Protein backbone atom coordinates (compact mmCIF):
# COMPACT_ATOMS: atom_id res chain seq x y z
CA UNK A 1 18.94 15.75 9.66
CA UNK A 2 19.21 12.04 8.91
CA UNK A 3 15.59 11.50 10.05
CA UNK A 4 14.36 14.30 7.77
CA UNK A 5 16.27 12.84 4.80
CA UNK A 6 14.77 9.41 5.50
CA UNK A 7 11.27 10.91 5.69
CA UNK A 8 11.72 12.78 2.39
CA UNK A 9 13.11 9.65 0.75
CA UNK A 10 10.03 7.63 1.75
CA UNK A 11 7.67 10.35 0.51
CA UNK A 12 9.47 10.52 -2.85
CA UNK A 13 9.13 6.73 -3.22
CA UNK A 14 5.40 6.98 -2.47
CA UNK A 15 4.91 9.69 -5.11
CA UNK A 16 6.82 7.68 -7.72
CA UNK A 17 5.02 4.46 -6.82
CA UNK A 18 1.60 6.10 -7.04
CA UNK A 19 2.20 7.17 -10.65
CA UNK A 20 3.51 3.80 -11.84
CA UNK A 21 0.07 2.14 -12.34
CA UNK A 22 -1.08 5.07 -14.48
CA UNK A 23 2.14 5.00 -16.53
CA UNK A 24 1.79 1.24 -17.06
CA UNK A 25 -1.85 1.65 -18.05
CA UNK A 26 -0.98 4.32 -20.65
CA UNK A 27 1.87 2.16 -21.95
CA UNK A 28 -0.43 -0.84 -22.35
CA UNK A 29 -3.07 1.34 -24.02
CA UNK A 30 -0.53 2.72 -26.48
CA UNK A 31 0.72 -0.79 -27.28
CA UNK A 32 -2.80 -2.26 -27.50
CA UNK A 33 -2.06 -4.60 -24.62
CA UNK A 34 -5.28 -4.36 -22.59
CA UNK A 35 -6.85 -7.64 -23.66
CA UNK A 36 -10.13 -8.35 -25.48
CA UNK A 37 -12.13 -5.94 -23.27
CA UNK A 38 -9.90 -2.88 -22.74
CA UNK A 39 -12.60 -0.74 -21.13
CA UNK A 40 -13.25 -3.34 -18.43
CA UNK A 41 -9.51 -3.89 -17.96
CA UNK A 42 -8.80 -0.18 -17.44
CA UNK A 43 -11.82 0.17 -15.15
CA UNK A 44 -10.64 -2.74 -13.01
CA UNK A 45 -7.04 -1.49 -12.91
CA UNK A 46 -7.93 2.04 -11.81
CA UNK A 47 -10.43 0.77 -9.24
CA UNK A 48 -7.93 -1.72 -7.82
CA UNK A 49 -5.24 0.96 -7.59
CA UNK A 50 -7.64 3.34 -5.84
CA UNK A 51 -8.51 0.62 -3.31
CA UNK A 52 -4.84 -0.29 -2.76
CA UNK A 53 -3.80 3.30 -2.11
CA UNK A 54 -6.78 3.88 0.18
CA UNK A 55 -5.91 0.80 2.24
CA UNK A 56 -2.26 1.89 2.44
CA UNK A 57 -3.42 5.30 3.66
CA UNK A 58 -5.57 3.65 6.33
CA UNK A 59 -2.65 1.43 7.32
CA UNK A 60 -0.32 4.33 8.20
CA UNK A 61 -1.67 4.96 11.70
CA UNK A 62 -1.74 1.25 12.67
CA UNK A 63 1.84 0.87 11.38
CA UNK A 64 2.91 3.72 13.64
CA UNK A 65 0.98 2.10 16.52
CA UNK A 66 2.69 -1.25 15.99
CA UNK A 67 6.23 -0.16 15.09
CA UNK A 68 6.45 3.43 16.42
CA UNK A 69 7.52 4.60 12.94
CA UNK A 70 6.29 8.20 12.82
CA UNK A 71 7.48 9.08 9.27
CA UNK A 72 4.71 6.84 7.93
CA UNK A 73 2.09 9.28 9.28
CA UNK A 74 3.21 11.83 6.69
CA UNK A 75 2.18 9.42 3.96
CA UNK A 76 -1.53 9.40 4.82
CA UNK A 77 -2.30 12.57 2.88
CA UNK A 78 -0.53 11.76 -0.43
CA UNK A 79 -1.79 8.18 -0.42
CA UNK A 80 -5.36 9.38 0.21
CA UNK A 81 -5.15 12.04 -2.51
CA UNK A 82 -3.75 9.57 -5.03
CA UNK A 83 -6.51 7.13 -4.11
CA UNK A 84 -9.05 9.84 -4.92
CA UNK A 85 -7.26 10.56 -8.21
CA UNK A 86 -7.53 6.93 -9.34
CA UNK A 87 -11.13 6.72 -8.08
CA UNK A 88 -11.93 9.80 -10.20
CA UNK A 89 -10.35 8.19 -13.28
CA UNK A 90 -12.27 4.99 -12.49
CA UNK A 91 -15.58 6.88 -12.32
CA UNK A 92 -14.75 8.99 -15.40
CA UNK A 93 -14.25 5.81 -17.44
CA UNK A 94 -17.58 4.51 -16.16
CA UNK A 95 -19.57 7.60 -17.20
CA UNK A 96 -17.49 8.80 -20.16
CA UNK A 97 -16.25 5.66 -21.91
CA UNK A 98 -18.67 2.97 -20.74
CA UNK A 99 -21.84 5.10 -21.06
CA UNK A 100 -20.68 8.04 -23.25
CA UNK A 101 -22.19 10.56 -20.80
CA UNK A 102 -25.68 9.19 -21.42
CA UNK A 103 -27.05 10.41 -18.08
CA UNK A 104 -30.33 8.54 -18.41
CA UNK A 105 -28.50 5.22 -18.75
CA UNK A 106 -25.99 6.20 -16.04
CA UNK A 107 -28.76 6.92 -13.51
CA UNK A 108 -30.49 3.68 -14.53
CA UNK A 109 -27.22 1.74 -14.05
CA UNK A 110 -26.63 3.32 -10.65
CA UNK A 111 -29.98 2.14 -9.38
CA UNK A 112 -29.93 -1.27 -11.08
CA UNK A 113 -26.35 -2.24 -10.18
CA UNK A 114 -25.79 -2.13 -6.44
CA UNK A 115 -22.00 -2.10 -6.81
CA UNK A 116 -22.29 1.11 -8.86
CA UNK A 117 -24.20 3.08 -6.22
CA UNK A 118 -21.79 1.89 -3.51
CA UNK A 119 -18.83 2.89 -5.69
CA UNK A 120 -20.35 6.34 -6.24
CA UNK A 121 -20.90 6.72 -2.49
CA UNK A 122 -17.23 5.89 -1.91
CA UNK A 123 -16.16 8.58 -4.36
CA UNK A 124 -18.48 11.16 -2.78
CA UNK A 125 -16.88 10.48 0.61
CA UNK A 126 -13.35 10.74 -0.80
CA UNK A 127 -14.11 14.07 -2.53
CA UNK A 128 -14.35 16.28 0.60
CA UNK A 129 -11.46 14.37 2.19
CA UNK A 130 -9.23 15.17 -0.79
CA UNK A 131 -10.34 18.82 -0.89
CA UNK A 132 -9.73 19.35 2.84
CA UNK A 133 -6.43 17.46 2.99
CA UNK A 134 -4.33 20.64 2.94
CA UNK A 135 -2.85 22.35 6.01
CA UNK A 136 -5.03 25.40 5.35
CA UNK A 137 -8.24 23.38 5.64
CA UNK A 138 -6.87 21.64 8.72
CA UNK A 139 -6.41 25.04 10.39
CA UNK A 140 -9.88 26.20 9.32
CA UNK A 141 -11.75 23.11 10.44
CA UNK A 142 -9.73 22.59 13.66
CA UNK A 143 -11.27 19.70 15.67
CA UNK A 144 -13.84 19.06 12.95
CA UNK A 145 -11.02 18.14 10.56
CA UNK A 146 -10.27 14.92 12.44
CA UNK A 147 -13.97 14.09 12.67
CA UNK A 148 -14.38 14.60 8.92
CA UNK A 149 -11.34 12.51 8.00
CA UNK A 150 -12.52 9.58 10.08
CA UNK A 151 -14.90 9.06 7.16
CA UNK A 152 -11.91 7.53 5.36
CA UNK A 153 -12.72 4.28 7.18
CA UNK A 154 -16.31 4.42 5.91
CA UNK A 155 -14.87 4.92 2.41
CA UNK A 156 -12.69 1.85 2.95
CA UNK A 157 -15.67 -0.28 3.98
CA UNK A 158 -17.74 0.88 0.99
CA UNK A 159 -14.81 0.36 -1.40
CA UNK A 160 -14.41 -3.25 -0.26
CA UNK A 161 -18.17 -3.86 -0.56
CA UNK A 162 -18.05 -2.32 -4.05
CA UNK A 163 -15.28 -4.78 -5.00
CA UNK A 164 -17.08 -7.79 -3.50
CA UNK A 165 -20.30 -7.01 -5.37
CA UNK A 166 -18.47 -6.21 -8.61
CA UNK A 167 -16.67 -9.53 -9.10
CA UNK A 168 -18.23 -12.90 -9.84
CA UNK A 169 -19.25 -15.31 -7.09
CA UNK A 170 -16.45 -17.60 -6.02
CA UNK A 171 -13.72 -14.98 -6.42
CA UNK A 172 -12.03 -14.81 -3.01
CA UNK A 173 -9.62 -11.91 -3.49
CA UNK A 174 -12.07 -9.19 -2.32
CA UNK A 175 -12.49 -11.10 0.95
CA UNK A 176 -8.76 -10.81 1.62
CA UNK A 177 -9.16 -7.05 1.31
CA UNK A 178 -12.12 -7.24 3.69
CA UNK A 179 -10.01 -9.18 6.20
CA UNK A 180 -7.19 -6.64 5.92
CA UNK A 181 -9.60 -3.77 6.48
CA UNK A 182 -11.06 -5.54 9.50
CA UNK A 183 -7.58 -5.76 11.02
CA UNK A 184 -6.93 -2.07 10.35
CA UNK A 185 -10.26 -1.10 11.90
CA UNK A 186 -9.66 -3.29 14.96
CA UNK A 187 -6.30 -1.57 15.56
CA UNK A 188 -8.23 1.71 15.91
CA UNK A 189 -10.20 0.34 18.88
CA UNK A 190 -8.84 1.79 22.14
CA UNK A 191 -8.66 -1.55 23.94
CA UNK A 192 -6.74 -3.14 21.06
CA UNK A 193 -4.39 -0.15 20.79
CA UNK A 194 -3.71 -0.35 24.52
CA UNK A 195 -2.98 -4.07 24.22
CA UNK A 196 -0.58 -3.44 21.32
CA UNK A 197 1.14 -0.60 23.18
CA UNK A 198 1.64 -2.77 26.27
CA UNK A 199 2.82 -5.86 24.39
CA UNK A 200 6.51 -4.81 24.04
CA UNK A 201 6.62 -3.87 27.74
CA UNK A 202 5.22 -7.26 28.78
CA UNK A 203 7.65 -9.05 26.47
CA UNK A 204 10.59 -7.12 27.92
CA UNK A 205 9.42 -7.79 31.48
CA UNK A 206 9.23 -11.55 30.78
CA UNK A 207 12.69 -11.57 29.20
CA UNK A 208 14.16 -9.84 32.26
CA UNK A 209 12.79 -12.44 34.64
């Protein structure tokens, strides 16, 4: 009973936390507090939030591997869906506000700006993952569901590349995200997982000597 309450409490916090960036963005928009280039500011905010939530979703399994904290596994789905929501807002601003649905200019921008085509590819990967995140789709797809949702790591790689190419040269923040993603990916490797699983046992054995 206590474990279930703790799990529900964590999920509620995740849901509340995921809506905070959107609420803050709307507040700043209403109060004209988005700086000299509000379109760019909102685009960056929504993209950054989408990346943050995606990385948190990818971190759930490694956290369970490291700390044996199973409730965190229940957070993968909502974090992934919220990441897709912010990515959709991010893309909608790009095509609707930045380019006013001028499809000729949008297509031209996608092919001229490499970060744009990578960003679009990320969104296209997240789309089927968000659609098939329900229990019903999991039952329908069976083993293929896990194979499909492994594409989340490809989305993470593309999202980081999108961020690196988007910002100016000399900005180091995207490389911290790349380093974090590299750690998360390495913790999915069987040999690394085995090493992590055996580490507490080796530590305990040494302390008993």
